[in-house]
Protein backbone atom coordinates (compact mmCIF):
# COMPACT_ATOMS: atom_id res chain seq x y z
CA UNK A 1 56.96 160.58 156.10
CA UNK A 2 54.13 159.31 158.24
CA UNK A 3 50.83 160.73 157.07
CA UNK A 4 48.28 162.12 159.54
CA UNK A 5 44.52 161.66 159.62
CA UNK A 6 41.90 163.15 161.84
CA UNK A 7 38.44 161.70 162.42
CA UNK A 8 35.28 163.39 163.72
CA UNK A 9 32.48 161.07 164.75
CA UNK A 10 28.79 161.68 165.30
CA UNK A 11 25.37 160.31 164.29
CA UNK A 12 22.81 157.63 165.10
CA UNK A 13 21.43 154.45 163.55
CA UNK A 14 18.75 154.79 160.88
CA UNK A 15 17.63 152.77 157.86
CA UNK A 16 18.52 149.13 157.23
CA UNK A 17 22.01 149.57 158.70
CA UNK A 18 24.37 152.16 160.08
CA UNK A 19 26.27 151.89 156.83
CA UNK A 20 23.27 153.37 155.03
CA UNK A 21 22.61 156.09 157.61
CA UNK A 22 21.68 159.37 155.86
CA UNK A 23 23.61 161.52 158.35
CA UNK A 24 26.96 159.73 158.24
CA UNK A 25 29.63 161.73 156.50
CA UNK A 26 33.41 161.62 156.46
CA UNK A 27 36.18 163.82 155.18
CA UNK A 28 39.95 163.59 154.92
CA UNK A 29 42.73 165.56 153.27
CA UNK A 30 46.25 164.98 152.00
CA UNK A 31 48.89 167.14 150.41
CA UNK A 32 50.75 166.09 147.25
CA UNK A 33 53.14 167.61 144.71
CA UNK A 34 51.76 169.53 141.76
CA UNK A 35 48.58 171.48 141.13
CA UNK A 36 46.11 168.70 140.28
CA UNK A 37 43.42 167.87 142.82
CA UNK A 38 41.37 164.72 143.46
CA UNK A 39 38.14 164.56 145.46
CA UNK A 40 36.60 161.13 146.19
CA UNK A 41 32.99 161.13 147.41
CA UNK A 42 31.67 157.87 148.86
CA UNK A 43 27.90 157.58 148.33
CA UNK A 44 26.83 155.38 151.23
CA UNK A 45 23.71 153.25 150.95
CA UNK A 46 24.05 151.90 147.38
CA UNK A 47 22.99 154.62 144.94
CA UNK A 48 20.64 153.52 142.18
CA UNK A 49 22.63 154.48 139.10
CA UNK A 50 19.68 153.59 136.88
CA UNK A 51 17.69 156.36 138.54
CA UNK A 52 20.45 158.95 138.71
CA UNK A 53 21.53 158.40 135.08
CA UNK A 54 18.36 157.00 133.52
CA UNK A 55 18.90 154.90 130.37
CA UNK A 56 15.50 155.85 129.00
CA UNK A 57 16.65 154.94 125.49
CA UNK A 58 16.64 151.26 126.50
CA UNK A 59 13.04 150.12 125.91
CA UNK A 60 13.27 147.60 128.76
CA UNK A 61 13.57 150.32 131.42
CA UNK A 62 9.96 151.47 131.21
CA UNK A 63 8.79 147.87 131.53
CA UNK A 64 10.98 147.18 134.54
CA UNK A 65 10.06 150.39 136.31
CA UNK A 66 6.40 151.25 135.93
CA UNK A 67 6.03 153.15 139.22
CA UNK A 68 9.34 155.00 139.15
CA UNK A 69 9.26 158.00 136.84
CA UNK A 70 11.95 157.84 134.17
CA UNK A 71 12.93 159.81 131.10
CA UNK A 72 12.58 163.39 129.88
CA UNK A 73 8.82 162.96 129.58
CA UNK A 74 8.77 162.73 133.39
CA UNK A 75 11.02 165.68 134.12
CA UNK A 76 14.47 164.12 133.76
CA UNK A 77 17.08 166.13 131.87
CA UNK A 78 18.12 164.61 128.56
CA UNK A 79 21.88 164.10 128.30
CA UNK A 80 22.62 162.44 125.00
CA UNK A 81 19.41 161.00 123.58
CA UNK A 82 19.80 157.76 125.53
CA UNK A 83 20.55 158.76 129.13
CA UNK A 84 18.77 161.39 131.22
CA UNK A 85 19.78 163.00 134.51
CA UNK A 86 17.38 162.72 137.45
CA UNK A 87 15.36 165.93 137.98
CA UNK A 88 16.79 166.42 141.50
CA UNK A 89 20.25 166.81 139.96
CA UNK A 90 19.11 169.41 137.44
CA UNK A 91 21.39 172.04 139.00
CA UNK A 92 24.31 170.06 137.59
CA UNK A 93 23.19 170.40 133.97
CA UNK A 94 25.38 173.49 133.34
CA UNK A 95 28.37 171.32 134.29
CA UNK A 96 27.30 168.66 131.78
CA UNK A 97 26.98 171.27 129.03
CA UNK A 98 30.39 172.70 129.95
CA UNK A 99 32.04 169.25 129.82
CA UNK A 100 32.57 169.23 133.58
CA UNK A 101 30.21 166.34 134.42
CA UNK A 102 30.27 162.76 133.19
CA UNK A 103 29.53 159.24 134.36
CA UNK A 104 30.19 155.54 133.87
CA UNK A 105 26.89 153.61 133.70
CA UNK A 106 27.83 149.98 134.48
CA UNK A 107 30.63 149.48 137.03
CA UNK A 108 31.16 147.66 140.31
CA UNK A 109 33.81 146.50 142.72
CA UNK A 110 34.65 142.76 142.72
CA UNK A 111 31.99 142.30 145.44
CA UNK A 112 29.27 139.87 144.39
CA UNK A 113 25.98 138.36 145.59
CA UNK A 114 26.02 139.04 149.35
CA UNK A 115 24.74 142.62 148.95
CA UNK A 116 25.65 143.81 152.44
CA UNK A 117 26.21 147.56 152.92
CA UNK A 118 29.02 146.98 155.41
CA UNK A 119 30.83 144.40 153.27
CA UNK A 120 30.24 146.37 150.08
CA UNK A 121 31.64 149.55 151.58
CA UNK A 122 34.59 147.62 153.02
CA UNK A 123 35.45 146.32 149.56
CA UNK A 124 34.96 149.72 147.92
CA UNK A 125 37.10 151.57 150.44
CA UNK A 126 39.71 148.83 150.87
CA UNK A 127 40.10 148.70 147.09
CA UNK A 128 40.64 144.97 147.39
CA UNK A 129 40.38 142.47 144.57
CA UNK A 130 38.50 140.02 146.76
CA UNK A 131 34.87 139.81 147.86
CA UNK A 132 35.85 138.49 151.30
CA UNK A 133 36.15 141.70 153.32
CA UNK A 134 37.40 140.04 156.51
CA UNK A 135 40.36 138.68 154.56
CA UNK A 136 40.74 141.74 152.36
CA UNK A 137 43.42 144.36 152.48
CA UNK A 138 43.28 145.84 155.96
CA UNK A 139 44.09 149.40 154.93
CA UNK A 140 42.27 151.64 152.47
CA UNK A 141 43.29 152.44 148.91
CA UNK A 142 43.60 156.15 149.54
CA UNK A 143 45.97 155.45 152.44
CA UNK A 144 48.02 153.12 150.24
CA UNK A 145 48.13 155.75 147.52
CA UNK A 146 49.64 158.18 150.00
CA UNK A 147 52.19 155.58 151.06
CA UNK A 148 53.32 155.06 147.44
CA UNK A 149 53.48 158.65 146.19
CA UNK A 150 56.82 160.40 146.64
CA UNK A 151 56.50 163.76 148.32
CA UNK A 152 53.04 163.12 149.76
CA UNK A 153 52.21 164.07 153.31
CA UNK A 154 48.65 163.86 154.59
CA UNK A 155 47.27 167.08 155.97
CA UNK A 156 44.96 167.57 158.94
CA UNK A 157 41.96 165.38 157.99
CA UNK A 158 38.42 165.48 159.29
CA UNK A 159 35.88 162.63 159.32
CA UNK A 160 32.29 163.00 160.52
CA UNK A 161 30.24 159.91 161.34
CA UNK A 162 29.93 156.79 163.43
CA UNK A 163 32.60 154.84 161.59
CA UNK A 164 36.04 155.63 160.32
CA UNK A 165 36.26 155.56 156.54
CA UNK A 166 38.07 152.37 155.60
CA UNK A 167 39.44 154.17 152.57
CA UNK A 168 41.72 155.98 155.05
CA UNK A 169 42.77 153.07 157.24
CA UNK A 170 46.42 152.15 157.35
CA UNK A 171 49.62 152.68 159.30
CA UNK A 172 49.02 156.42 159.67
CA UNK A 173 47.92 157.71 163.05
CA UNK A 174 44.23 158.59 163.54
CA UNK A 175 42.43 161.19 165.62
CA UNK A 176 38.79 161.71 166.59
CA UNK A 177 36.46 164.52 167.56
CA UNK A 178 32.71 164.97 167.96
CA UNK A 179 31.25 167.96 166.07
CA UNK A 180 28.67 168.40 168.84
CA UNK A 181 31.43 169.22 171.30
CA UNK A 182 32.15 172.87 171.98
CA UNK A 183 35.68 173.58 173.15
CA UNK A 184 36.51 177.21 173.69
CA UNK A 185 39.47 178.15 175.86
CA UNK A 186 41.57 181.22 176.25
CA UNK A 187 45.29 180.84 175.50
CA UNK A 188 45.92 180.88 179.24
CA UNK A 189 43.34 178.13 179.78
CA UNK A 190 44.94 176.03 177.05
CA UNK A 191 48.36 176.36 178.69
CA UNK A 192 46.88 175.35 182.04
CA UNK A 193 45.25 172.24 180.57
CA UNK A 194 48.45 171.28 178.77
CA UNK A 195 50.25 171.42 182.12
CA UNK A 196 47.55 169.29 183.81
CA UNK A 197 47.47 166.53 181.16
CA UNK A 198 51.21 166.56 180.43
CA UNK A 199 51.96 163.35 182.35
CA UNK A 200 48.87 161.42 181.18
CA UNK A 201 49.39 160.07 177.61
CA UNK A 202 45.68 159.45 177.00
CA UNK A 203 44.47 162.91 177.99
CA UNK A 204 47.55 164.58 176.49
CA UNK A 205 46.81 163.10 173.05
CA UNK A 206 43.06 163.79 173.14
CA UNK A 207 43.52 167.30 174.46
CA UNK A 208 46.17 168.13 171.90
CA UNK A 209 43.85 166.99 169.13
CA UNK A 210 41.01 169.18 170.38
CA UNK A 211 43.25 172.22 170.61
CA UNK A 212 44.54 171.61 167.09
CA UNK A 213 41.01 171.32 165.68
CA UNK A 214 40.10 174.69 167.16
CA UNK A 215 43.30 176.27 165.86
CA UNK A 216 42.62 174.82 162.39
CA UNK A 217 39.39 176.78 162.32
CA UNK A 218 36.81 174.12 161.46
CA UNK A 219 34.25 176.07 163.51
CA UNK A 220 34.71 179.00 161.13
CA UNK A 221 32.80 177.12 158.41
CA UNK A 222 29.51 178.99 158.18
CA UNK A 223 26.70 177.83 155.92
CA UNK A 224 22.99 178.78 156.08
CA UNK A 225 20.45 176.14 157.07
CA UNK A 226 18.38 173.83 154.91
CA UNK A 227 18.57 170.17 153.83
CA UNK A 228 21.90 170.66 152.04
CA UNK A 229 23.64 172.62 154.79
CA UNK A 230 25.97 169.85 155.97
CA UNK A 231 26.99 168.92 152.42
CA UNK A 232 27.71 172.55 151.58
CA UNK A 233 29.66 173.06 154.81
CA UNK A 234 31.86 170.01 154.19
CA UNK A 235 32.46 171.03 150.58
CA UNK A 236 33.22 174.60 151.61
CA UNK A 237 35.76 173.38 154.14
CA UNK A 238 37.26 170.97 151.60
CA UNK A 239 37.57 173.69 148.95
CA UNK A 240 39.37 175.97 151.39
CA UNK A 241 41.91 173.23 152.10
CA UNK A 242 42.26 172.32 148.43
CA UNK A 243 43.03 175.95 147.66
CA UNK A 244 46.02 175.63 150.00
CA UNK A 245 48.46 172.71 150.14
CA UNK A 246 45.85 169.94 150.12
CA UNK A 247 45.60 167.99 146.85
CA UNK A 248 43.52 164.94 147.79
CA UNK A 249 40.23 165.02 149.70
CA UNK A 250 37.62 162.39 150.48
CA UNK A 251 34.24 162.59 152.18
CA UNK A 252 30.95 160.71 152.16
CA UNK A 253 27.31 161.53 151.49
CA UNK A 254 24.80 159.02 152.80
CA UNK A 255 21.10 158.30 152.47
CA UNK A 256 21.06 156.33 149.19
CA UNK A 257 19.35 153.20 150.52
CA UNK A 258 15.98 153.22 148.75
CA UNK A 259 14.03 150.03 149.48
CA UNK A 260 10.72 151.93 149.50
CA UNK A 261 9.33 155.21 148.17
CA UNK A 262 12.48 155.74 146.14
CA UNK A 263 11.25 158.89 144.41
CA UNK A 264 10.93 160.56 147.82
CA UNK A 265 13.93 158.88 149.48
CA UNK A 266 16.49 159.92 146.89
CA UNK A 267 15.49 163.57 146.65
CA UNK A 268 17.57 164.69 149.61
CA UNK A 269 20.82 162.78 148.94
CA UNK A 270 20.71 163.93 145.32
CA UNK A 271 20.27 167.52 146.48
CA UNK A 272 23.19 167.07 148.88
CA UNK A 273 25.39 165.64 146.13
CA UNK A 274 24.58 168.46 143.73
CA UNK A 275 25.13 171.06 146.46
CA UNK A 276 28.48 169.56 147.44
CA UNK A 277 29.75 169.54 143.85
CA UNK A 278 28.58 173.08 143.11
CA UNK A 279 30.03 174.34 146.40
CA UNK A 280 33.35 172.76 145.50
CA UNK A 281 33.27 174.48 142.11
CA UNK A 282 32.43 177.85 143.64
CA UNK A 283 34.92 177.54 146.46
CA UNK A 284 37.80 176.31 144.31
CA UNK A 285 37.54 179.12 141.79
CA UNK A 286 40.34 178.83 139.26
CA UNK A 287 41.54 175.59 140.90
CA UNK A 288 38.32 173.87 139.75
CA UNK A 289 40.00 173.59 136.36
CA UNK A 290 42.62 171.29 137.94
CA UNK A 291 40.14 169.23 139.97
CA UNK A 292 38.68 165.76 139.38
CA UNK A 293 35.74 164.56 141.48
CA UNK A 294 34.84 160.85 141.58
CA UNK A 295 31.57 159.85 143.31
CA UNK A 296 31.44 156.10 144.02
CA UNK A 297 28.96 153.77 145.74
CA UNK A 298 29.28 150.26 147.22
CA UNK A 299 26.99 148.56 144.68
CA UNK A 300 24.00 149.27 142.48
CA UNK A 301 20.37 148.28 142.87
CA UNK A 302 17.99 145.85 141.20
CA UNK A 303 16.79 146.78 137.74
CA UNK A 304 13.20 145.92 138.71
CA UNK A 305 11.32 148.10 141.16
CA UNK A 306 9.80 146.32 144.14
CA UNK A 307 6.25 146.46 145.50
CA UNK A 308 7.12 149.36 147.78
CA UNK A 309 8.11 151.69 144.97
CA UNK A 310 11.78 151.16 145.66
CA UNK A 311 14.67 148.96 144.59
CA UNK A 312 16.71 146.37 146.44
CA UNK A 313 20.44 145.72 146.74
CA UNK A 314 22.02 144.86 143.39
CA UNK A 315 25.38 144.69 141.64
CA UNK A 316 26.19 147.00 138.73
CA UNK A 317 25.95 150.72 139.45
CA UNK A 318 27.16 154.08 138.18
CA UNK A 319 30.12 156.31 138.98
CA UNK A 320 29.78 160.08 138.66
CA UNK A 321 32.68 162.29 137.56
CA UNK A 322 32.90 166.06 137.82
CA UNK A 323 35.49 168.81 137.75
CA UNK A 324 37.16 171.21 135.40
CA UNK A 325 39.93 168.70 134.77
CA UNK A 326 37.69 165.99 133.28
CA UNK A 327 36.52 165.47 129.73
CA UNK A 328 32.83 165.32 130.56
CA UNK A 329 29.57 165.73 128.74
CA UNK A 330 29.57 162.01 127.97
CA UNK A 331 29.02 158.52 129.29
CA UNK A 332 32.21 156.45 129.48
CA UNK A 333 32.22 152.75 128.72
CA UNK A 334 29.59 150.54 127.14
CA UNK A 335 25.98 149.74 127.98
CA UNK A 336 25.15 146.09 128.81
CA UNK A 337 21.42 146.28 128.16
CA UNK A 338 18.43 145.44 130.35
CA UNK A 339 16.99 142.39 128.65
CA UNK A 340 16.63 139.31 130.85
CA UNK A 341 19.61 137.66 129.18
CA UNK A 342 21.74 140.77 129.74
CA UNK A 343 21.28 140.95 133.51
CA UNK A 344 23.57 139.71 136.23
CA UNK A 345 21.90 136.83 138.13
CA UNK A 346 18.69 137.66 136.27
CA UNK A 347 18.06 140.72 138.46
CA UNK A 348 20.93 143.24 138.40
CA UNK A 349 22.64 145.53 135.94
CA UNK A 350 25.64 143.69 134.53
CA UNK A 351 28.88 145.47 135.50
CA UNK A 352 31.18 145.83 132.49
CA UNK A 353 34.29 147.17 134.23
CA UNK A 354 35.89 147.30 137.65
CA UNK A 355 35.22 150.70 139.20
CA UNK A 356 38.75 150.61 140.65
CA UNK A 357 40.16 150.90 137.12
CA UNK A 358 38.62 154.34 136.68
CA UNK A 359 39.97 155.52 140.02
CA UNK A 360 43.38 154.09 139.16
CA UNK A 361 43.53 155.83 135.78
CA UNK A 362 42.47 159.10 137.38
CA UNK A 363 45.34 158.84 139.87
CA UNK A 364 47.73 157.80 137.09
CA UNK A 365 46.87 160.83 134.99
CA UNK A 366 46.58 163.31 137.86
CA UNK A 367 49.64 162.36 139.87
CA UNK A 368 51.74 160.28 137.46
CA UNK A 369 51.51 157.17 139.65
CA UNK A 370 52.94 154.17 137.83
CA UNK A 371 50.60 151.40 136.66
CA UNK A 372 52.43 148.64 138.52
CA UNK A 373 52.05 150.54 141.82
CA UNK A 374 48.35 151.07 141.18
CA UNK A 375 47.74 147.44 140.17
CA UNK A 376 49.79 145.87 142.97
CA UNK A 377 49.95 148.19 145.96
CA UNK A 378 46.98 150.54 145.70
CA UNK A 379 44.43 148.16 144.10
CA UNK A 380 45.66 144.56 144.50
CA UNK A 381 44.80 142.20 141.65
CA UNK A 382 43.51 145.02 139.43
CA UNK A 383 43.89 144.92 135.66
CA UNK A 384 43.64 148.58 134.71
CA UNK A 385 43.02 147.82 131.04
CA UNK A 386 42.94 150.67 128.55
CA UNK A 387 42.93 154.27 129.67
CA UNK A 388 39.29 155.48 129.54
CA UNK A 389 40.44 159.09 129.13
CA UNK A 390 38.75 160.67 132.12
CA UNK A 391 40.86 163.82 132.03
CA UNK A 392 40.58 166.53 129.43
């Protein structure tokens, strides 16, 4: 059955590119058989995994980052004696202690060396095995997952931002709406408009979408103000859908581009990420125990801080996992080290595993998707390797 997607677009250019814009956010939903739930959060702007999950136990870190505060002695929350969680994510520590938060410290897509936000996000969301985005798979891996899962039908999906999420692109129809638009009509007014636009395909389609958005109740989402309001509102809306027939949701949190004043720049996106995860947990209630959250970014950042107290575009980064369904309270995978000889191109954290493998194993274990489908159709050219055991 043809899946349906719905996009909402808004925002303006800021930062080094629109792809790193702190206000861009996207969300989509899909139904699927069973009770397990998957939430994919795209962290736009290239999150510095070395700052979020600080490997303070590696003696090289303090030498590479003299201006950036790292480690428990500077307010970070110790996780396991080697890694520490950034202070701005301290609200997530109860999840870590409950085994509902984990991470992978050295992952990346196959994208290498060009370090462009747009290209990196294309590769991440396309799920392609190539680093040539213009020649890469034209649709997104979440869309291909839906196409290859029996019994899946996408549910009314909402995307907020300037650009459609490539992770959703594919043969399914798309819709768009601006969240700044107010559209309030009486039932009689709606019937009148439907009569007026009936013979005009363009207006008929756009008008029908607007009416459906209102009937779906997105305007009913009500969150108090503050810097995390939008993240909480999106998560609240997602949780409400996931408590119904929706089983797969994806949205984005931006603002992770930190070329200068990183300690200040990353405060707000980290607060948004923590708020989104905690709002999901609260909103899902008992269904949190059947939920897996994967937070992924287009690439990591340089291991050395720059002269502006920030970090530049790199390669290896971190993936965050959360949810009651995961086996958390741990770092998955190995640590490559930060010595000069350990780095990629002498400047970046060396990625030890393809981030797509973790997403693939999550979908395998959550929805019983066969390995050959994941390695050929969903993530072309992927070798999934051994199961990392994300789920509890």
